[in-house]
């Protein structure tokens, strides 16, 4: 699969077939990503003596609609420890909302590592950055204005970190395209955002 995109910051990212080398080129240097026989490697020309842990691709995940399927997909993906062997995961959301989803899924042997800032990750566990601290009742399957508001907050902080180079890639969980609409978000979906 091949993908190339141009960001407003002038950062150009290209992904190549799984058998070839890939590169992320930006104004700060070159980060080379190589996938060989299913093993993902990342090298940054500006970093010196990086540990194996800090070489991992930093994957940010926006939480999507709080009442949607996004949290279930994220939690079930992150339960598999192999994900932390390949990358460092940062979920932009709320540990309180995550706990409600884990309870609904009856997942007892997993939790996110709560971090105050992206520069303090646990490389062996998926991390969560609390974008808000509000108490929110999750109403599975029921889009609400509140769930849209917090989906937007997650997307805004994650996109900011992507633009600033604090994460290497952003994965977006599904949103409800109606309840996210506001004065701050007038797009058909989060791809256009």
N, C-alpha and C. Protein backbone atom coordinates (compact mmCIF):
# COMPACT_ATOMS: atom_id res chain seq x y z
N UNK A 1 0.85 -1.17 0.00
CA UNK A 1 0.00 0.00 0.00
C UNK A 1 0.89 1.22 0.00
N UNK A 2 0.51 2.20 -0.76
CA UNK A 2 1.30 3.41 -0.86
C UNK A 2 0.42 4.61 -0.53
N UNK A 3 0.98 5.54 0.27
CA UNK A 3 0.22 6.74 0.64
C UNK A 3 1.19 7.90 0.75
N UNK A 4 0.79 9.05 0.30
CA UNK A 4 1.60 10.24 0.48
C UNK A 4 0.68 11.40 0.77
N UNK A 5 1.08 12.27 1.69
CA UNK A 5 0.23 13.38 2.09
C UNK A 5 1.11 14.59 2.36
N UNK A 6 0.56 15.78 2.20
CA UNK A 6 1.28 17.02 2.48
C UNK A 6 0.53 17.75 3.58
N UNK A 7 1.22 18.04 4.70
CA UNK A 7 0.61 18.75 5.82
C UNK A 7 0.89 20.24 5.71
N UNK A 8 0.08 21.04 6.38
CA UNK A 8 0.24 22.49 6.36
C UNK A 8 1.61 22.93 6.87
N UNK A 9 2.22 22.14 7.72
CA UNK A 9 3.51 22.52 8.29
C UNK A 9 4.66 22.31 7.32
N UNK A 10 4.38 21.76 6.14
CA UNK A 10 5.42 21.50 5.18
C UNK A 10 6.05 20.14 5.36
N UNK A 11 5.48 19.33 6.24
CA UNK A 11 5.99 17.99 6.47
C UNK A 11 5.43 17.05 5.42
N UNK A 12 6.29 16.37 4.73
CA UNK A 12 5.87 15.42 3.71
C UNK A 12 6.09 14.01 4.24
N UNK A 13 5.08 13.18 4.15
CA UNK A 13 5.20 11.82 4.64
C UNK A 13 4.89 10.86 3.50
N UNK A 14 5.71 9.86 3.33
CA UNK A 14 5.45 8.84 2.33
C UNK A 14 5.57 7.47 2.93
N UNK A 15 4.62 6.60 2.64
CA UNK A 15 4.68 5.22 3.10
C UNK A 15 4.76 4.33 1.87
N UNK A 16 5.60 3.32 1.93
CA UNK A 16 5.86 2.46 0.78
C UNK A 16 5.38 1.04 1.06
N UNK A 17 5.53 0.19 0.06
CA UNK A 17 5.19 -1.22 0.21
C UNK A 17 5.93 -1.83 1.39
N UNK A 18 5.37 -2.89 1.95
CA UNK A 18 5.96 -3.50 3.13
C UNK A 18 7.35 -4.06 2.91
N UNK A 19 7.82 -4.22 1.70
CA UNK A 19 9.14 -4.77 1.43
C UNK A 19 10.19 -3.68 1.23
N UNK A 20 9.80 -2.40 1.23
CA UNK A 20 10.73 -1.33 0.90
C UNK A 20 10.88 -0.35 2.04
N UNK A 21 11.89 0.48 1.98
CA UNK A 21 12.11 1.52 2.98
C UNK A 21 11.16 2.69 2.73
N UNK A 22 10.88 3.39 3.77
CA UNK A 22 9.99 4.55 3.68
C UNK A 22 10.68 5.71 4.40
N UNK A 23 10.23 6.91 4.14
CA UNK A 23 10.85 8.05 4.82
C UNK A 23 9.82 9.12 5.13
N UNK A 24 9.99 9.74 6.26
CA UNK A 24 9.24 10.93 6.64
C UNK A 24 10.26 12.05 6.59
N UNK A 25 10.03 13.02 5.74
CA UNK A 25 10.98 14.12 5.60
C UNK A 25 10.32 15.38 6.14
N UNK A 26 11.00 16.07 7.03
CA UNK A 26 10.46 17.33 7.52
C UNK A 26 11.58 18.35 7.66
N UNK A 27 11.24 19.51 8.12
CA UNK A 27 12.22 20.59 8.21
C UNK A 27 13.25 20.35 9.29
N UNK A 28 13.02 19.36 10.15
CA UNK A 28 13.94 19.09 11.25
C UNK A 28 14.90 17.95 10.94
N UNK A 29 14.74 17.29 9.83
CA UNK A 29 15.61 16.16 9.51
C UNK A 29 14.83 15.07 8.84
N UNK A 30 15.37 13.90 8.81
CA UNK A 30 14.72 12.77 8.14
C UNK A 30 14.51 11.65 9.14
N UNK A 31 13.30 11.17 9.20
CA UNK A 31 13.01 9.99 9.98
C UNK A 31 12.74 8.88 8.98
N UNK A 32 13.56 7.86 8.98
CA UNK A 32 13.37 6.76 8.05
C UNK A 32 12.63 5.63 8.75
N UNK A 33 11.62 5.13 8.09
CA UNK A 33 10.85 4.02 8.61
C UNK A 33 11.04 2.87 7.64
N UNK A 34 11.47 1.74 8.15
CA UNK A 34 11.69 0.58 7.29
C UNK A 34 10.89 -0.59 7.82
N UNK A 35 10.17 -1.25 6.92
CA UNK A 35 9.45 -2.45 7.28
C UNK A 35 10.07 -3.58 6.47
N UNK A 36 10.60 -4.57 7.15
CA UNK A 36 11.23 -5.69 6.48
C UNK A 36 10.73 -6.97 7.14
N UNK A 37 10.06 -7.80 6.37
CA UNK A 37 9.50 -9.06 6.88
C UNK A 37 8.61 -8.82 8.10
N UNK A 38 7.80 -7.79 8.05
CA UNK A 38 6.86 -7.50 9.11
C UNK A 38 7.44 -6.80 10.32
N UNK A 39 8.73 -6.46 10.31
CA UNK A 39 9.35 -5.78 11.44
C UNK A 39 9.50 -4.30 11.11
N UNK A 40 8.94 -3.47 11.95
CA UNK A 40 8.95 -2.03 11.73
C UNK A 40 10.12 -1.41 12.46
N UNK A 41 10.92 -0.63 11.75
CA UNK A 41 12.06 0.07 12.36
C UNK A 41 11.93 1.56 12.06
N UNK A 42 12.43 2.38 12.95
CA UNK A 42 12.35 3.83 12.76
C UNK A 42 13.69 4.44 13.15
N UNK A 43 14.22 5.31 12.29
CA UNK A 43 15.50 5.97 12.56
C UNK A 43 15.33 7.46 12.35
N UNK A 44 15.84 8.25 13.24
CA UNK A 44 15.74 9.71 13.12
C UNK A 44 17.16 10.26 13.02
N UNK A 45 17.42 11.00 11.96
CA UNK A 45 18.76 11.52 11.74
C UNK A 45 19.15 12.59 12.76
N UNK A 46 18.18 13.21 13.42
CA UNK A 46 18.50 14.26 14.40
C UNK A 46 18.72 13.73 15.80
N UNK A 47 18.31 12.50 16.08
CA UNK A 47 18.46 11.95 17.41
C UNK A 47 19.80 11.22 17.50
N UNK A 48 20.43 11.32 18.65
CA UNK A 48 21.70 10.63 18.84
C UNK A 48 21.53 9.56 19.90
N UNK A 49 22.13 8.41 19.66
CA UNK A 49 22.12 7.30 20.61
C UNK A 49 20.73 7.04 21.17
N UNK A 50 19.78 6.78 20.28
CA UNK A 50 18.43 6.50 20.73
C UNK A 50 18.36 5.08 21.27
N UNK A 51 17.58 4.89 22.32
CA UNK A 51 17.36 3.54 22.82
C UNK A 51 16.38 2.85 21.88
N UNK A 52 16.30 1.55 21.98
CA UNK A 52 15.35 0.79 21.15
C UNK A 52 13.93 1.30 21.39
N UNK A 53 13.60 1.62 22.65
CA UNK A 53 12.25 2.07 22.98
C UNK A 53 11.91 3.38 22.29
N UNK A 54 12.84 4.35 22.31
CA UNK A 54 12.54 5.65 21.75
C UNK A 54 12.56 5.65 20.22
N UNK A 55 13.04 4.56 19.62
CA UNK A 55 13.04 4.45 18.16
C UNK A 55 11.67 4.06 17.62
N UNK A 56 10.78 3.60 18.47
CA UNK A 56 9.47 3.15 18.02
C UNK A 56 8.67 4.32 17.44
N UNK A 57 7.83 4.01 16.49
CA UNK A 57 6.93 4.99 15.91
C UNK A 57 5.93 5.41 16.99
N UNK A 58 5.72 6.71 17.13
CA UNK A 58 4.78 7.25 18.12
C UNK A 58 3.42 7.40 17.45
N UNK A 59 2.47 6.58 17.88
CA UNK A 59 1.14 6.54 17.27
C UNK A 59 0.14 7.22 18.19
N UNK A 60 -0.44 8.32 17.71
CA UNK A 60 -1.50 8.99 18.44
C UNK A 60 -2.84 8.48 17.95
N UNK A 61 -3.79 8.32 18.86
CA UNK A 61 -5.13 7.85 18.50
C UNK A 61 -6.14 8.81 19.10
N UNK A 62 -6.96 9.44 18.25
CA UNK A 62 -8.06 10.25 18.77
C UNK A 62 -9.18 9.29 19.14
N UNK A 63 -9.91 9.59 20.20
CA UNK A 63 -10.87 8.63 20.75
C UNK A 63 -12.16 8.49 19.95
N UNK A 64 -12.46 9.43 19.08
CA UNK A 64 -13.72 9.35 18.33
C UNK A 64 -14.91 9.64 19.23
N UNK A 65 -16.10 9.30 18.75
CA UNK A 65 -17.32 9.53 19.51
C UNK A 65 -17.30 8.65 20.77
N UNK A 66 -17.50 9.25 21.92
CA UNK A 66 -17.40 8.53 23.19
C UNK A 66 -18.42 7.42 23.32
N UNK A 67 -19.54 7.54 22.63
CA UNK A 67 -20.60 6.54 22.72
C UNK A 67 -20.56 5.54 21.56
N UNK A 68 -19.54 5.67 20.71
CA UNK A 68 -19.43 4.80 19.54
C UNK A 68 -18.52 3.61 19.78
N UNK A 69 -18.12 2.99 18.69
CA UNK A 69 -17.34 1.75 18.73
C UNK A 69 -15.84 1.99 18.89
N UNK A 70 -15.40 3.23 18.76
CA UNK A 70 -13.97 3.54 18.77
C UNK A 70 -13.22 3.00 19.97
N UNK A 71 -13.73 3.23 21.17
CA UNK A 71 -13.03 2.76 22.37
C UNK A 71 -12.92 1.23 22.39
N UNK A 72 -13.97 0.55 21.96
CA UNK A 72 -13.92 -0.91 21.93
C UNK A 72 -12.80 -1.40 21.00
N UNK A 73 -12.72 -0.82 19.82
CA UNK A 73 -11.67 -1.20 18.86
C UNK A 73 -10.29 -0.88 19.42
N UNK A 74 -10.14 0.29 20.02
CA UNK A 74 -8.85 0.70 20.57
C UNK A 74 -8.43 -0.23 21.71
N UNK A 75 -9.33 -0.49 22.64
CA UNK A 75 -9.01 -1.35 23.78
C UNK A 75 -8.66 -2.76 23.32
N UNK A 76 -9.48 -3.32 22.43
CA UNK A 76 -9.22 -4.69 21.96
C UNK A 76 -7.92 -4.77 21.16
N UNK A 77 -7.55 -3.71 20.48
CA UNK A 77 -6.27 -3.68 19.77
C UNK A 77 -5.12 -3.60 20.75
N UNK A 78 -5.25 -2.73 21.74
CA UNK A 78 -4.15 -2.50 22.69
C UNK A 78 -3.97 -3.64 23.69
N UNK A 79 -4.96 -4.49 23.85
CA UNK A 79 -4.81 -5.66 24.74
C UNK A 79 -3.70 -6.56 24.22
N UNK A 80 -3.55 -6.63 22.91
CA UNK A 80 -2.51 -7.46 22.29
C UNK A 80 -1.16 -6.79 22.52
N UNK A 81 -0.32 -7.40 23.33
CA UNK A 81 0.97 -6.82 23.71
C UNK A 81 1.91 -6.59 22.53
N UNK A 82 1.67 -7.26 21.41
CA UNK A 82 2.55 -7.07 20.25
C UNK A 82 2.49 -5.63 19.74
N UNK A 83 1.40 -4.94 19.99
CA UNK A 83 1.28 -3.55 19.53
C UNK A 83 2.37 -2.69 20.17
N UNK A 84 2.68 -2.94 21.44
CA UNK A 84 3.70 -2.15 22.14
C UNK A 84 5.12 -2.55 21.74
N UNK A 85 5.26 -3.68 21.08
CA UNK A 85 6.57 -4.06 20.54
C UNK A 85 6.86 -3.27 19.26
N UNK A 86 5.80 -2.86 18.56
CA UNK A 86 5.95 -2.17 17.28
C UNK A 86 5.95 -0.65 17.40
N UNK A 87 5.19 -0.13 18.37
CA UNK A 87 5.04 1.32 18.44
C UNK A 87 4.72 1.75 19.87
N UNK A 88 4.78 3.05 20.10
CA UNK A 88 4.36 3.63 21.37
C UNK A 88 3.00 4.28 21.13
N UNK A 89 2.00 3.84 21.87
CA UNK A 89 0.61 4.27 21.66
C UNK A 89 0.24 5.37 22.64
N UNK A 90 -0.42 6.42 22.09
CA UNK A 90 -0.94 7.53 22.89
C UNK A 90 -2.41 7.71 22.52
N UNK A 91 -3.31 7.40 23.45
CA UNK A 91 -4.73 7.65 23.24
C UNK A 91 -5.05 9.03 23.81
N UNK A 92 -5.67 9.85 23.01
CA UNK A 92 -6.09 11.19 23.44
C UNK A 92 -7.55 11.09 23.86
N UNK A 93 -7.80 11.14 25.16
CA UNK A 93 -9.16 10.97 25.64
C UNK A 93 -9.27 11.21 27.12
N UNK A 94 -9.90 10.25 27.79
CA UNK A 94 -10.16 10.36 29.22
C UNK A 94 -10.03 8.97 29.84
N UNK A 95 -9.25 8.87 30.91
CA UNK A 95 -9.13 7.59 31.59
C UNK A 95 -10.46 7.17 32.22
N UNK A 96 -11.29 8.16 32.59
CA UNK A 96 -12.60 7.85 33.16
C UNK A 96 -13.51 7.22 32.11
N UNK A 97 -13.50 7.76 30.91
CA UNK A 97 -14.31 7.21 29.82
C UNK A 97 -13.78 5.83 29.43
N UNK A 98 -12.46 5.70 29.37
CA UNK A 98 -11.85 4.41 29.06
C UNK A 98 -12.26 3.35 30.08
N UNK A 99 -12.30 3.71 31.35
CA UNK A 99 -12.70 2.78 32.40
C UNK A 99 -14.15 2.32 32.21
N UNK A 100 -15.02 3.24 31.80
CA UNK A 100 -16.41 2.87 31.56
C UNK A 100 -16.53 1.87 30.39
N UNK A 101 -15.73 2.09 29.37
CA UNK A 101 -15.74 1.17 28.23
C UNK A 101 -15.16 -0.20 28.62
N UNK A 102 -14.09 -0.21 29.39
CA UNK A 102 -13.51 -1.48 29.84
C UNK A 102 -14.53 -2.26 30.67
N UNK A 103 -15.27 -1.55 31.51
CA UNK A 103 -16.30 -2.21 32.34
C UNK A 103 -17.40 -2.78 31.45
N UNK A 104 -17.86 -2.02 30.47
CA UNK A 104 -18.90 -2.49 29.55
C UNK A 104 -18.44 -3.71 28.75
N UNK A 105 -17.14 -3.76 28.44
CA UNK A 105 -16.57 -4.88 27.69
C UNK A 105 -16.15 -6.03 28.59
N UNK A 106 -16.25 -5.83 29.91
CA UNK A 106 -15.80 -6.81 30.90
C UNK A 106 -14.32 -7.14 30.73
N UNK A 107 -13.52 -6.10 30.49
CA UNK A 107 -12.07 -6.23 30.36
C UNK A 107 -11.46 -5.85 31.70
N UNK A 108 -10.89 -6.85 32.38
CA UNK A 108 -10.36 -6.60 33.72
C UNK A 108 -8.84 -6.58 33.78
N UNK A 109 -8.19 -7.18 32.82
CA UNK A 109 -6.74 -7.33 32.89
C UNK A 109 -5.99 -6.35 31.99
N UNK A 110 -6.57 -5.19 31.76
CA UNK A 110 -5.95 -4.19 30.91
C UNK A 110 -6.33 -2.80 31.39
N UNK A 111 -5.36 -1.89 31.33
CA UNK A 111 -5.65 -0.47 31.54
C UNK A 111 -4.57 0.32 30.83
N UNK A 112 -4.88 1.56 30.54
CA UNK A 112 -3.91 2.45 29.92
C UNK A 112 -3.00 3.04 30.99
N UNK A 113 -1.79 3.35 30.62
CA UNK A 113 -0.88 4.07 31.48
C UNK A 113 -1.22 5.55 31.37
N UNK A 114 -1.65 6.17 32.46
CA UNK A 114 -2.06 7.57 32.43
C UNK A 114 -0.81 8.45 32.52
N UNK A 115 -0.67 9.34 31.54
CA UNK A 115 0.49 10.25 31.55
C UNK A 115 0.00 11.70 31.47
N UNK A 116 0.71 12.61 32.14
CA UNK A 116 0.31 14.01 32.10
C UNK A 116 0.69 14.71 30.80
N UNK A 117 1.74 14.20 30.16
CA UNK A 117 2.22 14.81 28.92
C UNK A 117 2.81 13.74 28.02
N UNK A 118 2.84 14.02 26.74
CA UNK A 118 3.31 13.04 25.77
C UNK A 118 4.78 12.70 25.92
N UNK A 119 5.54 13.57 26.55
CA UNK A 119 6.98 13.31 26.68
C UNK A 119 7.32 12.43 27.88
N UNK A 120 6.32 11.81 28.52
CA UNK A 120 6.54 10.91 29.65
C UNK A 120 5.89 9.55 29.41
N UNK A 121 6.15 8.90 28.26
CA UNK A 121 5.43 7.65 27.96
C UNK A 121 6.00 6.43 28.68
N UNK A 122 5.15 5.44 28.78
CA UNK A 122 5.58 4.10 29.16
C UNK A 122 5.70 3.36 27.82
N UNK A 123 6.88 2.88 27.48
CA UNK A 123 7.09 2.25 26.18
C UNK A 123 6.56 0.83 26.13
N UNK A 124 6.20 0.26 27.28
CA UNK A 124 5.75 -1.13 27.31
C UNK A 124 4.24 -1.27 27.46
N UNK A 125 3.54 -0.14 27.63
CA UNK A 125 2.08 -0.15 27.76
C UNK A 125 1.48 0.97 26.94
N UNK A 126 0.25 0.79 26.46
CA UNK A 126 -0.43 1.91 25.79
C UNK A 126 -0.67 3.04 26.79
N UNK A 127 -0.47 4.26 26.35
CA UNK A 127 -0.59 5.44 27.20
C UNK A 127 -1.89 6.18 26.89
N UNK A 128 -2.42 6.86 27.88
CA UNK A 128 -3.58 7.73 27.66
C UNK A 128 -3.24 9.11 28.21
N UNK A 129 -3.56 10.12 27.41
CA UNK A 129 -3.39 11.51 27.81
C UNK A 129 -4.79 12.05 28.09
N UNK A 130 -5.04 12.46 29.33
CA UNK A 130 -6.35 13.00 29.67
C UNK A 130 -6.50 14.38 29.05
N UNK A 131 -7.30 14.44 28.01
CA UNK A 131 -7.56 15.70 27.31
C UNK A 131 -8.58 16.53 28.10
N UNK A 132 -9.41 15.87 28.87
CA UNK A 132 -10.37 16.54 29.74
C UNK A 132 -10.50 15.70 31.01
N UNK A 133 -11.04 16.34 32.05
CA UNK A 133 -11.21 15.66 33.34
C UNK A 133 -12.67 15.63 33.77
N UNK A 134 -13.57 16.01 32.88
CA UNK A 134 -14.99 16.05 33.19
C UNK A 134 -15.52 14.64 33.46
N UNK A 135 -16.54 14.56 34.30
CA UNK A 135 -17.25 13.30 34.51
C UNK A 135 -18.31 13.18 33.43
N UNK A 136 -18.19 12.16 32.61
CA UNK A 136 -19.09 11.98 31.48
C UNK A 136 -19.70 10.60 31.56
N UNK A 137 -21.01 10.53 31.41
CA UNK A 137 -21.67 9.24 31.38
C UNK A 137 -21.68 8.73 29.94
N UNK A 138 -21.09 7.56 29.74
CA UNK A 138 -21.09 6.94 28.42
C UNK A 138 -22.44 6.29 28.19
N UNK A 139 -23.04 6.59 27.03
CA UNK A 139 -24.32 6.02 26.63
C UNK A 139 -24.10 5.29 25.31
N UNK A 140 -23.63 4.04 25.42
CA UNK A 140 -23.23 3.29 24.25
C UNK A 140 -24.32 3.27 23.17
N UNK A 141 -23.91 3.59 21.95
CA UNK A 141 -24.81 3.55 20.80
C UNK A 141 -25.70 4.77 20.66
N UNK A 142 -25.54 5.77 21.53
CA UNK A 142 -26.39 6.96 21.49
C UNK A 142 -25.54 8.21 21.31
N UNK A 143 -25.44 8.72 20.08
CA UNK A 143 -24.67 9.95 19.89
C UNK A 143 -25.33 11.12 20.63
N UNK A 144 -24.52 11.93 21.28
CA UNK A 144 -25.03 13.09 22.01
C UNK A 144 -24.16 14.29 21.67
N UNK A 145 -24.68 15.50 21.88
CA UNK A 145 -23.84 16.68 21.67
C UNK A 145 -22.56 16.64 22.51
N UNK A 146 -22.66 16.13 23.74
CA UNK A 146 -21.50 16.04 24.62
C UNK A 146 -20.45 15.07 24.04
N UNK A 147 -20.89 13.94 23.50
CA UNK A 147 -19.91 12.98 22.95
C UNK A 147 -19.23 13.56 21.71
N UNK A 148 -19.93 14.38 20.96
CA UNK A 148 -19.33 15.05 19.81
C UNK A 148 -18.33 16.12 20.24
N UNK A 149 -18.67 16.85 21.29
CA UNK A 149 -17.78 17.91 21.81
C UNK A 149 -16.45 17.32 22.26
N UNK A 150 -16.49 16.19 22.96
CA UNK A 150 -15.26 15.60 23.46
C UNK A 150 -14.49 14.86 22.38
N UNK A 151 -15.18 14.35 21.36
CA UNK A 151 -14.49 13.76 20.21
C UNK A 151 -13.67 14.84 19.51
N UNK A 152 -14.24 16.05 19.41
CA UNK A 152 -13.53 17.16 18.79
C UNK A 152 -12.32 17.58 19.64
N UNK A 153 -12.48 17.64 20.96
CA UNK A 153 -11.34 17.99 21.82
C UNK A 153 -10.19 17.01 21.62
N UNK A 154 -10.50 15.73 21.56
CA UNK A 154 -9.48 14.71 21.35
C UNK A 154 -8.78 14.91 20.02
N UNK A 155 -9.56 15.14 18.97
CA UNK A 155 -9.00 15.35 17.63
C UNK A 155 -8.13 16.60 17.58
N UNK A 156 -8.56 17.68 18.21
CA UNK A 156 -7.79 18.93 18.20
C UNK A 156 -6.42 18.76 18.86
N UNK A 157 -6.37 18.13 20.03
CA UNK A 157 -5.10 17.98 20.74
C UNK A 157 -4.19 17.01 19.98
N UNK A 158 -4.76 15.92 19.46
CA UNK A 158 -3.96 14.95 18.72
C UNK A 158 -3.40 15.57 17.43
N UNK A 159 -4.23 16.33 16.71
CA UNK A 159 -3.77 16.98 15.47
C UNK A 159 -2.68 18.01 15.77
N UNK A 160 -2.82 18.72 16.88
CA UNK A 160 -1.78 19.69 17.28
C UNK A 160 -0.46 18.98 17.54
N UNK A 161 -0.51 17.86 18.27
CA UNK A 161 0.72 17.11 18.54
C UNK A 161 1.32 16.54 17.25
N UNK A 162 0.48 16.16 16.30
CA UNK A 162 0.98 15.67 15.01
C UNK A 162 1.69 16.79 14.26
N UNK A 163 1.07 17.96 14.20
CA UNK A 163 1.68 19.10 13.51
C UNK A 163 2.99 19.52 14.15
N UNK A 164 3.08 19.39 15.47
CA UNK A 164 4.30 19.78 16.20
C UNK A 164 5.35 18.68 16.22
N UNK A 165 5.05 17.53 15.59
CA UNK A 165 6.01 16.43 15.52
C UNK A 165 6.14 15.63 16.79
N UNK A 166 5.18 15.75 17.69
CA UNK A 166 5.24 15.00 18.95
C UNK A 166 4.77 13.57 18.79
N UNK A 167 3.99 13.31 17.73
CA UNK A 167 3.63 11.96 17.33
C UNK A 167 3.96 11.83 15.85
N UNK A 168 4.17 10.59 15.41
CA UNK A 168 4.56 10.36 14.02
C UNK A 168 3.37 10.12 13.11
N UNK A 169 2.31 9.62 13.66
CA UNK A 169 1.12 9.28 12.87
C UNK A 169 -0.10 9.43 13.77
N UNK A 170 -1.23 9.74 13.15
CA UNK A 170 -2.49 9.89 13.88
C UNK A 170 -3.51 8.91 13.33
N UNK A 171 -4.06 8.10 14.20
CA UNK A 171 -5.15 7.19 13.87
C UNK A 171 -6.41 7.79 14.47
N UNK A 172 -7.46 7.91 13.68
CA UNK A 172 -8.69 8.52 14.18
C UNK A 172 -9.77 7.46 14.35
N UNK A 173 -10.32 7.38 15.55
CA UNK A 173 -11.46 6.49 15.79
C UNK A 173 -12.70 7.15 15.19
N UNK A 174 -13.73 6.35 14.88
CA UNK A 174 -14.92 6.90 14.22
C UNK A 174 -15.62 7.99 15.04
N UNK A 175 -16.11 8.98 14.31
CA UNK A 175 -16.90 10.06 14.92
C UNK A 175 -18.32 9.98 14.37
N UNK A 176 -19.23 10.69 15.00
CA UNK A 176 -20.56 10.89 14.44
C UNK A 176 -20.49 12.23 13.71
N UNK A 177 -20.71 12.22 12.42
CA UNK A 177 -20.49 13.42 11.60
C UNK A 177 -21.50 14.53 11.86
N UNK A 178 -22.60 14.21 12.55
CA UNK A 178 -23.58 15.24 12.88
C UNK A 178 -23.29 15.87 14.24
N UNK A 179 -23.05 15.06 15.26
CA UNK A 179 -22.93 15.65 16.60
C UNK A 179 -21.60 16.35 16.85
N UNK A 180 -20.63 16.20 15.97
CA UNK A 180 -19.34 16.88 16.13
C UNK A 180 -19.38 18.30 15.54
N UNK A 181 -20.37 18.59 14.71
CA UNK A 181 -20.45 19.89 14.05
C UNK A 181 -20.60 21.02 15.09
N UNK A 182 -19.82 22.08 14.89
CA UNK A 182 -19.85 23.23 15.80
C UNK A 182 -19.20 24.41 15.09
N UNK A 183 -19.07 25.53 15.80
CA UNK A 183 -18.37 26.68 15.22
C UNK A 183 -16.91 26.35 14.95
N UNK A 184 -16.34 25.42 15.73
CA UNK A 184 -14.93 25.03 15.56
C UNK A 184 -14.74 23.92 14.53
N UNK A 185 -15.81 23.23 14.17
CA UNK A 185 -15.71 22.08 13.27
C UNK A 185 -16.84 22.14 12.25
N UNK A 186 -16.51 22.60 11.05
CA UNK A 186 -17.49 22.68 9.97
C UNK A 186 -16.97 21.90 8.77
N UNK A 187 -16.70 20.62 9.00
CA UNK A 187 -16.15 19.74 7.98
C UNK A 187 -17.08 18.55 7.79
N UNK A 188 -17.05 17.92 6.60
CA UNK A 188 -17.88 16.74 6.41
C UNK A 188 -17.45 15.56 7.29
N UNK A 189 -16.18 15.55 7.71
CA UNK A 189 -15.67 14.48 8.56
C UNK A 189 -14.30 14.85 9.08
N UNK A 190 -13.69 13.97 9.87
CA UNK A 190 -12.40 14.33 10.46
C UNK A 190 -11.24 14.19 9.47
N UNK A 191 -11.41 13.50 8.38
CA UNK A 191 -10.35 13.44 7.36
C UNK A 191 -10.10 14.82 6.78
N UNK A 192 -11.15 15.55 6.51
CA UNK A 192 -11.02 16.89 5.96
C UNK A 192 -10.47 17.87 7.00
N UNK A 193 -10.71 17.61 8.25
CA UNK A 193 -10.19 18.46 9.32
C UNK A 193 -8.68 18.50 9.28
